[in-house]
Amino acid sequence: MPFDAGFTDIYQFGIKGACEDAGIYCERVDEQIFLGSMLDRIYNQISKVS
């Protein structure tokens, strides 16, 4: 999903809101503070819930 500001409502109310309602953790990578590769961070986050 692009991080363009035009998609903020879709993310906040459509994706993140639905996840929170279902009790599922949801956070975009640009909301996190980390060092290293963005893709490595995404893969790491996915592997934590698998």
N, C-alpha and C. Protein backbone atom coordinates (compact mmCIF):
# COMPACT_ATOMS: atom_id res chain seq x y z
N MET A 1 0.84 -1.18 0.00
CA MET A 1 0.00 0.00 0.00
C MET A 1 0.88 1.24 0.00
N PRO A 2 0.65 2.16 -0.89
CA PRO A 2 1.45 3.39 -0.91
C PRO A 2 1.23 4.21 0.35
N PHE A 3 2.25 4.97 0.75
CA PHE A 3 2.16 5.82 1.93
C PHE A 3 1.69 7.22 1.59
N ASP A 4 1.19 7.42 0.40
CA ASP A 4 0.69 8.72 -0.02
C ASP A 4 -0.44 9.17 0.90
N ALA A 5 -0.47 10.45 1.22
CA ALA A 5 -1.47 10.99 2.14
C ALA A 5 -2.90 10.75 1.67
N GLY A 6 -3.09 10.58 0.38
CA GLY A 6 -4.42 10.32 -0.16
C GLY A 6 -4.99 8.98 0.29
N PHE A 7 -4.16 8.08 0.78
CA PHE A 7 -4.60 6.76 1.23
C PHE A 7 -4.78 6.68 2.74
N THR A 8 -4.56 7.79 3.44
CA THR A 8 -4.62 7.77 4.91
C THR A 8 -5.98 7.33 5.42
N ASP A 9 -7.06 7.88 4.89
CA ASP A 9 -8.40 7.48 5.34
C ASP A 9 -8.67 6.01 5.09
N ILE A 10 -8.23 5.52 3.94
CA ILE A 10 -8.43 4.10 3.61
C ILE A 10 -7.73 3.23 4.64
N TYR A 11 -6.51 3.62 4.97
CA TYR A 11 -5.74 2.85 5.96
C TYR A 11 -6.37 2.97 7.35
N GLN A 12 -6.59 4.20 7.82
CA GLN A 12 -7.08 4.42 9.18
C GLN A 12 -8.44 3.79 9.43
N PHE A 13 -9.38 4.00 8.53
CA PHE A 13 -10.75 3.57 8.76
C PHE A 13 -11.09 2.23 8.10
N GLY A 14 -10.47 1.94 6.98
CA GLY A 14 -10.79 0.70 6.27
C GLY A 14 -9.96 -0.48 6.72
N ILE A 15 -8.66 -0.27 6.85
CA ILE A 15 -7.76 -1.39 7.16
C ILE A 15 -7.48 -1.47 8.66
N LYS A 16 -6.90 -0.41 9.22
CA LYS A 16 -6.53 -0.45 10.63
C LYS A 16 -7.76 -0.56 11.52
N GLY A 17 -8.81 0.18 11.21
CA GLY A 17 -10.03 0.10 12.00
C GLY A 17 -10.63 -1.29 12.01
N ALA A 18 -10.66 -1.92 10.85
CA ALA A 18 -11.20 -3.28 10.75
C ALA A 18 -10.34 -4.27 11.53
N CYS A 19 -9.02 -4.10 11.45
CA CYS A 19 -8.12 -4.98 12.20
C CYS A 19 -8.33 -4.83 13.70
N GLU A 20 -8.42 -3.58 14.17
CA GLU A 20 -8.64 -3.35 15.59
C GLU A 20 -9.98 -3.94 16.05
N ASP A 21 -11.01 -3.81 15.24
CA ASP A 21 -12.31 -4.39 15.57
C ASP A 21 -12.22 -5.91 15.69
N ALA A 22 -11.34 -6.51 14.90
CA ALA A 22 -11.17 -7.96 14.91
C ALA A 22 -10.13 -8.41 15.93
N GLY A 23 -9.50 -7.45 16.63
CA GLY A 23 -8.48 -7.79 17.62
C GLY A 23 -7.14 -8.17 17.03
N ILE A 24 -6.87 -7.66 15.82
CA ILE A 24 -5.64 -7.99 15.12
C ILE A 24 -4.72 -6.77 15.10
N TYR A 25 -3.43 -7.01 15.35
CA TYR A 25 -2.42 -5.95 15.32
C TYR A 25 -2.22 -5.45 13.90
N CYS A 26 -2.19 -4.15 13.72
CA CYS A 26 -1.99 -3.56 12.40
C CYS A 26 -1.19 -2.28 12.55
N GLU A 27 -0.09 -2.18 11.82
CA GLU A 27 0.72 -0.97 11.86
C GLU A 27 1.52 -0.89 10.57
N ARG A 28 1.52 0.29 9.95
CA ARG A 28 2.33 0.48 8.75
C ARG A 28 3.79 0.66 9.16
N VAL A 29 4.67 0.28 8.28
CA VAL A 29 6.10 0.39 8.56
C VAL A 29 6.51 1.84 8.79
N ASP A 30 5.85 2.78 8.12
CA ASP A 30 6.24 4.18 8.31
C ASP A 30 5.75 4.73 9.66
N GLU A 31 5.02 3.94 10.44
CA GLU A 31 4.62 4.33 11.79
C GLU A 31 5.60 3.79 12.84
N GLN A 32 6.57 2.99 12.42
CA GLN A 32 7.50 2.34 13.32
C GLN A 32 8.86 3.03 13.28
N ILE A 33 9.58 2.91 14.39
CA ILE A 33 10.95 3.40 14.44
C ILE A 33 11.85 2.17 14.46
N PHE A 34 12.75 2.08 13.49
CA PHE A 34 13.64 0.93 13.40
C PHE A 34 14.85 1.29 12.57
N LEU A 35 15.87 0.48 12.66
CA LEU A 35 17.07 0.62 11.84
C LEU A 35 17.10 -0.52 10.83
N GLY A 36 17.63 -0.27 9.67
CA GLY A 36 17.78 -1.32 8.68
C GLY A 36 16.81 -1.19 7.53
N SER A 37 16.72 -2.26 6.78
CA SER A 37 15.91 -2.31 5.57
C SER A 37 14.42 -2.39 5.88
N MET A 38 13.62 -1.65 5.11
CA MET A 38 12.18 -1.69 5.27
C MET A 38 11.64 -3.09 4.97
N LEU A 39 12.13 -3.71 3.92
CA LEU A 39 11.66 -5.06 3.58
C LEU A 39 12.03 -6.06 4.66
N ASP A 40 13.24 -5.95 5.22
CA ASP A 40 13.62 -6.85 6.32
C ASP A 40 12.67 -6.68 7.50
N ARG A 41 12.29 -5.44 7.78
CA ARG A 41 11.37 -5.17 8.88
C ARG A 41 10.00 -5.80 8.61
N ILE A 42 9.51 -5.67 7.40
CA ILE A 42 8.23 -6.25 7.03
C ILE A 42 8.27 -7.77 7.17
N TYR A 43 9.31 -8.40 6.64
CA TYR A 43 9.44 -9.85 6.74
C TYR A 43 9.54 -10.29 8.20
N ASN A 44 10.26 -9.53 9.01
CA ASN A 44 10.39 -9.85 10.42
C ASN A 44 9.05 -9.77 11.12
N GLN A 45 8.28 -8.74 10.86
CA GLN A 45 6.96 -8.58 11.48
C GLN A 45 6.02 -9.71 11.06
N ILE A 46 6.07 -10.10 9.80
CA ILE A 46 5.22 -11.20 9.31
C ILE A 46 5.61 -12.51 9.99
N SER A 47 6.90 -12.76 10.13
CA SER A 47 7.34 -14.02 10.71
C SER A 47 6.98 -14.13 12.19
N LYS A 48 6.80 -13.01 12.88
CA LYS A 48 6.42 -13.03 14.29
C LYS A 48 5.01 -13.57 14.50
N VAL A 49 4.13 -13.39 13.52
CA VAL A 49 2.74 -13.82 13.67
C VAL A 49 2.45 -15.14 12.98
N SER A 50 3.41 -15.66 12.27
CA SER A 50 3.18 -16.92 11.54
C SER A 50 3.21 -18.11 12.45
